[in-house]
Every structure is written in C-alpha cells, then in structure tokens.
Protein backbone atom coordinates (compact mmCIF):
# COMPACT_ATOMS: atom_id res chain seq x y z
CA MET A 1 40.05 15.90 -7.89
CA PRO A 2 36.64 16.51 -6.16
CA SER A 3 33.96 18.08 -8.32
CA LEU A 4 32.50 21.51 -7.52
CA PRO A 5 28.67 21.56 -8.13
CA LEU A 6 28.86 24.98 -9.83
CA ARG A 7 27.82 26.55 -13.07
CA VAL A 8 30.51 29.14 -13.85
CA LEU A 9 30.53 31.70 -16.69
CA VAL A 10 33.90 33.14 -17.94
CA LEU A 11 33.48 36.61 -19.48
CA GLU A 12 36.78 37.53 -21.10
CA ASP A 13 37.42 39.16 -24.49
CA HIS A 14 41.01 37.89 -24.91
CA LEU A 15 40.74 34.47 -26.40
CA PHE A 16 43.93 32.92 -24.84
CA GLN A 17 43.04 34.29 -21.37
CA ARG A 18 39.50 32.94 -21.73
CA SER A 19 40.78 29.49 -22.82
CA VAL A 20 43.12 29.34 -19.81
CA ALA A 21 40.30 30.23 -17.47
CA VAL A 22 37.87 27.62 -18.97
CA SER A 23 40.53 24.99 -18.79
CA LEU A 24 41.38 25.69 -15.14
CA LEU A 25 37.82 25.66 -14.06
CA LYS A 26 37.22 22.34 -15.74
CA GLN A 27 40.35 20.95 -14.10
CA LEU A 28 38.89 22.08 -10.73
CA GLY A 29 35.80 19.97 -11.40
CA CYS A 30 33.16 22.67 -12.03
CA ALA A 31 30.02 20.97 -13.12
CA GLU A 32 29.55 23.34 -16.10
CA VAL A 33 31.68 26.05 -17.50
CA LEU A 34 30.36 28.54 -19.96
CA GLU A 35 32.24 31.25 -21.85
CA ALA A 36 31.54 34.54 -23.61
CA GLY A 37 33.69 37.15 -25.28
CA ASN A 38 31.72 40.32 -24.35
CA GLY A 39 28.76 41.50 -22.29
CA VAL A 40 26.17 41.18 -25.05
CA GLU A 41 27.20 37.60 -25.81
CA ALA A 42 27.18 36.76 -22.09
CA LEU A 43 23.61 38.17 -21.61
CA THR A 44 22.32 36.26 -24.68
CA LEU A 45 23.86 33.11 -23.28
CA LEU A 46 22.20 33.58 -19.87
CA GLN A 47 18.82 34.12 -21.50
CA ALA A 48 19.21 30.86 -23.31
CA VAL A 49 20.59 28.61 -20.51
CA GLY A 50 19.48 30.34 -17.34
CA SER A 51 21.36 31.87 -14.42
CA VAL A 52 24.88 30.91 -13.17
CA ASP A 53 26.45 30.52 -9.77
CA VAL A 54 29.62 32.51 -10.44
CA VAL A 55 30.85 34.78 -13.27
CA LEU A 56 34.65 35.23 -13.73
CA CYS A 57 34.45 38.61 -15.17
CA ASP A 58 36.90 40.92 -16.96
CA LEU A 59 36.12 44.60 -16.85
CA GLN A 60 37.64 46.18 -19.96
CA MET A 61 36.00 44.89 -23.18
CA GLU A 62 34.93 46.20 -26.53
CA GLY A 63 31.17 46.98 -26.74
CA MET A 64 29.34 46.06 -23.54
CA ASP A 65 32.08 45.93 -20.86
CA GLY A 66 32.07 43.93 -17.60
CA LEU A 67 30.80 46.85 -15.58
CA GLU A 68 27.57 47.12 -17.67
CA PHE A 69 27.17 43.35 -17.75
CA ILE A 70 27.33 43.11 -13.92
CA GLN A 71 24.74 45.78 -13.67
CA ARG A 72 22.35 44.23 -16.16
CA ALA A 73 22.77 40.60 -15.19
CA GLY A 74 22.70 41.47 -11.41
CA THR A 75 19.58 43.44 -11.77
CA ALA A 76 17.95 40.67 -13.81
CA GLY A 77 18.90 38.06 -11.15
CA GLN A 78 20.89 35.97 -13.59
CA LEU A 79 24.00 35.48 -11.49
CA CYS A 80 24.66 34.86 -7.79
CA ALA A 81 28.34 35.77 -7.38
CA VAL A 82 31.05 37.72 -9.23
CA LEU A 83 34.78 37.10 -9.18
CA ILE A 84 36.56 39.94 -10.92
CA SER A 85 39.58 39.08 -13.20
CA SER A 86 41.10 42.33 -14.39
CA CYS A 87 44.20 44.33 -14.74
CA MET A 88 42.53 47.57 -13.66
CA PRO A 89 43.94 49.35 -10.57
CA SER A 90 42.93 47.96 -7.17
CA ASP A 91 40.84 51.09 -6.37
CA VAL A 92 38.73 50.56 -9.53
CA ARG A 93 38.30 46.84 -8.68
CA ARG A 94 37.25 47.73 -5.12
CA ALA A 95 34.64 50.22 -6.39
CA VAL A 96 33.21 47.56 -8.74
CA ARG A 97 32.91 45.21 -5.80
CA GLN A 98 31.07 47.88 -3.87
CA MET A 99 28.74 48.44 -6.74
CA GLY A 100 27.98 44.70 -7.06
CA SER A 101 27.29 44.47 -3.29
CA LEU A 102 24.75 47.38 -3.62
CA LEU A 103 23.05 45.29 -6.31
CA GLY A 104 22.80 42.41 -3.84
CA LEU A 105 25.45 40.39 -5.45
CA ASN A 106 28.00 38.18 -3.67
CA MET A 107 31.26 39.88 -4.70
CA LEU A 108 33.80 37.15 -3.99
CA GLY A 109 36.86 39.30 -4.71
CA ASP A 110 39.23 39.66 -7.60
CA VAL A 111 42.07 37.51 -9.01
CA ALA A 112 45.14 38.69 -10.86
CA LYS A 113 46.23 37.48 -14.22
CA PRO A 114 47.57 35.01 -15.08
CA LEU A 115 45.15 32.85 -13.21
CA HIS A 116 46.23 30.14 -10.72
CA ALA A 117 44.19 27.09 -10.07
CA ASP A 118 44.73 27.10 -6.25
CA ILE A 119 43.53 30.62 -5.90
CA LEU A 120 40.47 29.99 -8.02
CA ARG A 121 39.69 26.94 -5.96
CA GLN A 122 39.83 28.96 -2.73
CA PHE A 123 37.31 31.49 -4.03
CA LEU A 124 34.94 28.85 -5.36
CA GLU A 125 35.07 26.80 -2.17
CA ALA A 126 34.46 29.98 -0.12
CA TYR A 127 31.41 30.62 -2.26
CA LEU A 128 30.11 27.14 -1.73
CA SER A 129 30.67 27.38 2.01
CA GLY A 130 28.97 30.81 2.16
CA ARG A 131 26.07 29.56 0.10
CA ARG A 132 25.49 26.68 2.42
CA SER A 133 25.54 28.90 5.49
CA VAL A 134 23.20 31.43 3.84
CA GLN A 135 20.73 28.65 3.00
CA SER A 136 20.55 27.74 6.71
CA ILE A 137 19.62 31.23 7.78
CA PRO A 138 16.10 32.59 7.38
CA ALA A 139 15.87 34.99 4.43
CA ARG A 140 13.99 37.61 6.54
CA VAL A 141 14.26 38.43 10.18
CA GLU A 142 10.83 38.59 11.73
CA GLU A 143 10.70 41.56 14.06
CA ALA A 144 9.11 41.13 17.46
CA SER A 145 5.86 42.91 18.16
CA GLU A 146 5.40 45.63 20.76
CA GLU A 147 3.53 43.34 23.01
CA GLN A 148 6.29 40.69 22.82
CA VAL A 149 8.99 43.21 23.67
CA ARG A 150 7.09 44.67 26.56
CA HIS A 151 6.66 41.16 28.01
CA ALA A 152 10.44 40.64 27.51
CA PHE A 153 11.07 43.67 29.70
CA ILE A 154 8.62 42.58 32.36
CA ASP A 155 10.05 39.06 32.50
CA GLN A 156 13.65 40.33 32.39
CA GLN A 157 14.57 38.32 29.31
CA LEU A 158 16.79 41.06 27.87
CA GLU A 159 20.34 40.31 28.98
CA PRO A 160 23.83 41.68 28.54
CA TYR A 161 26.41 39.78 26.58
CA TYR A 162 30.07 40.82 26.76
CA GLN A 163 32.72 41.04 24.02
CA PRO A 164 36.22 41.70 25.28
CA LYS A 165 38.49 44.48 24.01
CA PHE A 166 42.24 43.64 24.00
CA ASP A 167 45.67 45.03 24.13
CA LEU A 168 47.05 43.63 20.86
CA ARG A 169 50.66 43.64 22.13
CA THR A 170 50.13 41.78 25.42
CA GLY A 171 46.71 40.12 25.15
CA GLU A 172 45.55 42.03 28.26
CA VAL A 173 41.84 42.44 28.49
CA LEU A 174 41.09 46.22 28.48
CA GLY A 175 37.39 45.95 28.93
CA VAL A 176 34.22 44.58 27.35
CA GLU A 177 31.52 45.96 25.04
CA VAL A 178 28.05 45.29 26.47
CA LEU A 179 25.68 43.89 23.87
CA ALA A 180 21.85 43.32 24.19
CA ARG A 181 20.57 39.82 23.67
CA TRP A 182 17.03 38.42 24.15
CA ASN A 183 17.03 35.09 26.11
CA HIS A 184 13.70 33.96 24.73
CA PRO A 185 12.04 31.09 26.73
CA THR A 186 11.11 29.10 23.59
CA LYS A 187 13.16 30.56 20.72
CA GLY A 188 16.51 30.67 22.52
CA LEU A 189 19.00 33.49 22.20
CA LEU A 190 17.80 36.30 19.83
CA ALA A 191 20.01 38.97 18.24
CA PRO A 192 19.20 42.73 18.36
CA ALA A 193 17.88 42.56 14.77
CA VAL A 194 14.81 40.83 16.08
CA PHE A 195 13.89 43.39 18.77
CA LEU A 196 15.97 46.64 18.68
CA SER A 197 13.82 48.52 16.01
CA THR A 198 10.68 47.67 18.05
CA VAL A 199 12.38 48.83 21.28
CA GLU A 200 13.22 52.13 19.63
CA ARG A 201 9.68 52.48 18.10
CA CYS A 202 8.11 51.91 21.45
CA GLY A 203 10.29 54.53 23.24
CA LEU A 204 11.99 51.88 25.41
CA ILE A 205 15.56 52.39 24.26
CA ASP A 206 16.50 54.28 27.48
CA GLU A 207 14.97 51.49 29.57
CA LEU A 208 16.96 48.92 27.73
CA LEU A 209 20.22 50.85 28.25
CA PHE A 210 19.50 51.33 32.09
CA SER A 211 18.57 47.61 32.38
CA LEU A 212 21.77 46.52 30.77
CA MET A 213 23.79 48.95 32.93
CA ARG A 214 22.29 47.58 36.12
CA GLN A 215 22.98 43.99 35.17
CA ALA A 216 26.54 44.73 33.88
CA LEU A 217 27.49 46.95 36.84
CA SER A 218 26.45 44.16 39.17
CA LEU A 219 28.79 41.78 37.37
CA GLN A 220 31.52 44.53 37.32
CA TRP A 221 31.24 44.80 41.15
CA GLN A 222 31.49 41.02 41.52
CA ILE A 223 34.71 41.09 39.43
CA ARG A 224 36.02 44.05 41.36
CA SER A 225 35.41 42.25 44.69
CA GLN A 226 37.72 39.49 43.43
CA GLY A 227 40.47 42.00 43.10
CA ALA A 228 40.19 42.63 39.29
CA ALA A 229 38.96 45.53 37.21
CA LEU A 230 36.81 45.52 34.12
CA ASP A 231 35.82 48.57 32.17
CA LEU A 232 32.31 48.49 30.46
CA ALA A 233 31.30 50.02 27.13
CA PHE A 234 27.66 50.60 26.31
CA ASN A 235 26.09 51.51 22.95
CA LEU A 236 24.21 54.75 22.98
CA GLN A 237 21.89 55.90 20.20
CA ALA A 238 22.33 59.58 19.15
CA SER A 239 18.60 60.08 19.55
CA GLN A 240 18.96 59.34 23.31
CA LEU A 241 21.09 62.40 23.73
CA ALA A 242 18.03 64.56 23.38
CA SER A 243 16.72 63.37 26.74
CA VAL A 244 17.06 65.85 29.57
CA GLU A 245 16.91 62.90 32.06
CA LEU A 246 19.67 60.78 30.39
CA THR A 247 22.75 61.80 32.37
CA SER A 248 20.98 62.24 35.72
CA GLN A 249 19.65 58.72 35.40
CA ILE A 250 23.08 57.31 34.46
CA LYS A 251 24.53 59.22 37.47
CA ARG A 252 21.97 57.65 39.80
CA ILE A 253 22.80 54.19 38.56
CA LEU A 254 26.48 54.71 39.02
CA ALA A 255 25.90 56.00 42.61
CA SER A 256 23.74 53.06 43.48
CA ASN A 257 26.37 50.77 42.39
CA GLN A 258 29.26 52.72 43.94
CA THR A 259 30.85 52.86 40.51
CA PRO A 260 32.98 55.66 39.07
CA GLY A 261 32.12 57.03 35.71
CA SER A 262 35.75 56.41 34.67
CA SER A 263 35.06 52.71 34.38
CA LEU A 264 32.42 53.35 31.64
CA THR A 265 32.59 54.17 27.97
CA PHE A 266 29.62 55.16 25.78
CA GLU A 267 29.87 54.30 22.15
CA LEU A 268 27.89 56.38 19.56
CA THR A 269 27.61 55.42 15.93
CA GLU A 270 29.18 57.99 13.59
CA SER A 271 26.20 58.15 11.26
CA GLY A 272 23.94 59.49 14.05
CA LEU A 273 26.17 62.50 14.70
CA LEU A 274 25.66 64.57 11.54
CA GLU A 275 23.60 67.10 13.40
CA VAL A 276 24.11 67.58 17.19
CA PRO A 277 21.67 70.07 18.85
CA ALA A 278 22.64 71.96 22.04
CA MET A 279 20.98 69.50 24.30
CA CYS A 280 22.83 66.54 22.77
CA LEU A 281 26.13 68.34 23.08
CA GLU A 282 25.28 69.18 26.75
CA ASN A 283 24.71 65.49 27.62
CA LEU A 284 27.97 64.54 25.87
CA ILE A 285 29.79 67.12 27.95
CA ARG A 286 28.13 65.98 31.17
CA LEU A 287 29.11 62.38 30.50
CA ARG A 288 32.66 63.51 30.22
CA MET A 289 32.35 65.54 33.36
CA MET A 290 31.22 62.36 35.12
CA GLY A 291 34.48 60.77 34.11
CA CYS A 292 32.94 58.52 31.37
CA ARG A 293 34.78 57.98 28.09
CA LEU A 294 33.04 58.66 24.79
CA SER A 295 33.83 56.58 21.72
CA ILE A 296 32.80 57.30 18.08
CA ASP A 297 31.77 53.91 16.86
CA ASP A 298 32.00 52.38 13.27
CA PHE A 299 34.24 55.25 12.34
CA GLY A 300 34.63 55.46 8.55
CA ALA A 301 31.45 53.51 7.79
CA GLY A 302 29.26 56.60 7.38
CA PHE A 303 30.10 60.09 6.23
CA SER A 304 33.21 60.71 8.36
CA SER A 305 33.56 64.28 9.34
CA LEU A 306 36.85 65.38 10.94
CA GLN A 307 34.98 68.44 12.13
CA ARG A 308 32.95 66.20 14.44
CA LEU A 309 36.12 64.95 16.06
CA CYS A 310 37.09 68.61 16.79
CA GLN A 311 33.72 69.74 17.90
CA LEU A 312 32.53 66.88 20.12
CA PRO A 313 34.19 65.63 23.23
CA PHE A 314 35.10 62.09 22.14
CA ASN A 315 38.29 60.41 23.39
CA GLU A 316 38.09 57.13 21.49
CA ILE A 317 37.70 56.13 17.85
CA LYS A 318 36.42 52.63 16.92
CA LEU A 319 37.49 51.97 13.34
CA ASP A 320 34.82 50.08 11.32
CA ALA A 321 35.59 46.37 10.65
CA GLU A 322 35.37 46.89 6.89
CA PHE A 323 38.89 48.28 6.76
CA VAL A 324 40.31 45.21 8.54
CA ARG A 325 38.59 42.87 5.98
CA GLY A 326 40.45 44.75 3.19
CA LEU A 327 43.72 44.87 5.03
CA ASN A 328 45.52 42.13 3.12
CA ASP A 329 44.77 43.12 -0.47
CA GLU A 330 43.53 46.75 -0.37
CA PRO A 331 46.30 49.35 -0.07
CA ARG A 332 43.70 52.01 0.67
CA CYS A 333 42.28 50.16 3.67
CA ARG A 334 45.80 49.84 5.09
CA ALA A 335 46.34 53.51 4.42
CA VAL A 336 43.04 54.40 6.17
CA ILE A 337 43.94 52.35 9.27
CA GLY A 338 47.48 53.91 9.41
CA SER A 339 46.02 57.43 9.03
CA THR A 340 43.40 56.89 11.65
CA LEU A 341 45.98 55.70 14.11
CA ALA A 342 48.13 58.76 13.42
CA LEU A 343 45.02 60.96 13.70
CA GLY A 344 44.08 59.48 17.00
CA SER A 345 47.50 59.94 18.35
CA THR A 346 47.64 63.57 17.24
CA LEU A 347 44.23 64.28 18.81
CA GLY A 348 45.00 62.39 22.03
CA MET A 349 42.31 59.82 21.21
CA SER A 350 42.74 56.06 21.59
CA VAL A 351 41.92 53.98 18.49
CA VAL A 352 40.22 50.60 18.69
CA VAL A 353 40.16 48.43 15.51
CA GLU A 354 37.05 46.22 15.19
CA GLY A 355 36.55 42.99 13.26
CA ILE A 356 39.89 41.18 13.89
CA GLU A 357 39.23 37.61 12.83
CA THR A 358 42.67 36.10 11.93
CA ALA A 359 46.14 35.86 13.37
CA GLU A 360 47.40 37.43 10.11
CA GLN A 361 45.22 40.58 10.64
CA HIS A 362 46.43 40.77 14.21
CA ARG A 363 50.09 40.62 13.23
CA GLU A 364 49.62 43.25 10.41
CA LEU A 365 47.75 45.63 12.72
CA LEU A 366 50.59 45.48 15.28
CA GLU A 367 53.05 46.28 12.46
CA LEU A 368 50.94 49.38 11.70
CA GLY A 369 51.15 50.47 15.31
CA CYS A 370 47.66 49.42 16.41
CA THR A 371 47.50 48.61 20.17
CA GLN A 372 43.75 48.03 20.83
CA GLY A 373 41.38 45.82 19.04
CA GLN A 374 38.27 43.68 19.21
CA GLY A 375 36.97 40.73 17.21
CA TYR A 376 36.28 36.97 17.03
CA TRP A 377 39.93 36.05 16.79
CA HIS A 378 40.25 37.22 20.36
CA ALA A 379 36.80 36.39 21.85
CA ARG A 380 33.13 36.18 20.86
CA PRO A 381 30.31 37.79 22.97
CA MET A 382 29.47 35.75 26.03
CA ASP A 383 27.05 35.89 28.93
CA GLY A 384 28.00 36.99 32.40
CA ALA A 385 28.74 33.42 33.76
CA ASP A 386 30.91 32.55 30.78
CA LEU A 387 32.68 35.81 31.01
CA LEU A 388 33.60 35.21 34.62
CA ARG A 389 34.92 31.70 33.72
CA TRP A 390 36.77 33.12 30.71
CA LEU A 391 38.47 35.86 32.80
CA GLN A 392 39.60 33.27 35.29
CA ARG A 393 41.10 31.09 32.66
CA THR A 394 42.79 34.06 31.04
CA ALA A 395 44.26 35.12 34.38
CA GLN A 396 45.51 31.53 35.11
CA VAL A 397 47.25 31.46 31.70
CA ALA A 398 48.87 34.84 32.36
CA ARG A 399 50.16 33.70 35.69
CA SER A 400 51.63 30.57 34.21
CA LEU A 401 53.70 32.53 31.73
CA PRO A 402 57.38 33.17 32.60
C-alpha cells in the first residue's frame, strides 16, 4: 500500500475507538500517527513534538473537549486540517466545521463511527491534493495600482468572459453570466481579485460595467445574426444603484446595439441590499421597466431577508454554491435548496443554483425539482471566441440527437 507523507493525530477518549483509528491510519501508510485521550493531553503532545497535518478529532470528551482543542490548537497554528469523528448530530458537526474554517483551518469533513479505511483514505488523499494545489498558488494576491488599472482601461485589456447557465433537464443553454477578466500583456489572464477593489476605489466600476456591456452586446448581436439567441447577465454592485445616470446610460447602450432590455439580467449580491435608499429602488424599478431581469445573487450567503424579496423588484434568485457543496451529506443544505425552490415558485421567481460540479449533484438537484443551474460541471468561463465555438459544438450535438 502506498505511503501517505502525513503526520496525523488521533484525539479520542474511547480507548477501543482510538486503537481502531490508529491501526487504520498505520495500515493506510501514514508516515507518523500520534494519539491522545483528551484535549489537554493532545496540546501537551503538540508542544513536545510540533504541529501535525491532520487531527482526527472526537468532540465529546471529559475535561477539555474536541471543540476547545480545535480552538486552542488552531489559534496556536499547531494543526493544518481537521477531520471530525463524532456521533454528534449533523448540524452540530456542521457548525464545528464552520468554526474551524473561521479559524483558518482546513476542515476536511466528518466521518461516522465505526471508521472505514477507504473513507479515511479519500479524506487524506483529498487533503494532500489540496495542499499541493495551495502550495502552487501565491499566498497573497497583489492588487493592481490605480495607475495600472487606468492603463488597462485605456489599452482595453479588461475583457468579458462568459459562463453558461443551463436548463438542467435538457442541457439547453439559457444564457451566460458575463465576468470581468484582465488580459494582461505580460502576466496573462488575471482574475477580479487583482483589480476589482482598485476599480471600485478609483470610481471606475460604472466604466467597467459599460465596457463589458458594449463588448458582450456586440458578441450577442453576432450570435443573433446567426439565428440564435443568448441572454446576458451582468454583475451590478449595490453602490452603483445610487447613480442617477446608471439606467439612462444602460438604456443608451441598449439602443446603440438595437438590443431589448429583456435579453439582459442584472445580478446584485444579497449582502449589499441591507439598506436600499429611494434612489437605488428607483433604479431597480427603471431596470425592470426597461424589460431587464433582476437577480439576487449568492442568496443565503449573507443575512437573507425575506422582506427584501417582497420589497424589491427581483424576479430571479441565485442560490449560493455553499448549499450544493453540502447537498450529499447535509440534510439542512438539502432542505434549504428545496425550500428556496418552493419559495421561488410561490413568488413567481426563477431559481438558479450555482456551483454544480458533479454529475451526482446535477442528478440530485433534478430530483429536488431544480431546473436551472450553473457550474463547472456544465461549463467553465470562456472568452468570446471560445464561447462561439462552444455554442456551435453544442448546437451540432443537439441536432445529432434523435
């Protein structure tokens, strides 16, 4: 059996359960397996031998329990990842994982008792794979300067990338979300994390939106001239809604491209909608009057307010990807997805589920009644030329089906 270059700590107060875990980890080829019967013993051990890669951690123990241990050891930087092994209810285990994530720990998940070698191996190999990928990514994203961003605008280096949105039942492309990317002449393709904060700080966020719209609408017209239709969705910051010129400028861009507002959706992140002044509400209403759709993005990731769904003229909900990630093993995530689908149906709002990455997630979402989705399992973001080729291939496949 191949060895796993890992130092693993088993924290379990039940002697037999601890012995089983230690034995399984050694059978899996872990380089070093340590053990402790309670939190105090585990902290003392870590102080003596140094940090560990993974702790297999029970929660309920006499004295210092697993919860306090995770807090102390995580704060002290003595462990990298946590795999929970507990009989506590799933909602408690989920909350512990959330707490660990807030401490900056890699919360691998949780395993039921009795332990099984193949399941343990999957978690440990996932940790190793993730650690390798993290090591290949710079620890800190260096934000672009104002001068660099302004040159990017002048040289037209900020480009739209497109991520398709699908009908989960038929595979039909319903539209695309337009995402900003910086095509840097020497650094290659840069993500929004490099430039978006600077764009906002410099007051260029509207200019970025209008630039993306012009480029994307030109592509949309090209697709329309070939006899196809493609709806576009643009991200809109809540702060932009305070501009008195926002909707009039959008209207001019639509008119110059001979494009109806009904082919556009504007997505606003939920967290930016806690307070909506009269001017912001007016702009939302005007966008709807122009025929545009309004989508509340990352729904459930912030402080969801059902009152916002009643007060503001949204007609689409985009459910945050976090709920899909917990779909297989978190009953509450499944319940939230089902409830949101029912809520959207009752309110006459379409529901788009984000973050679909596997065929299993796709199948389970269909069983829950979900009809619209987005995620890497369907398609990754692509530039305009790649999108055109991808749409052509998709159309050819559809025509070849009986």
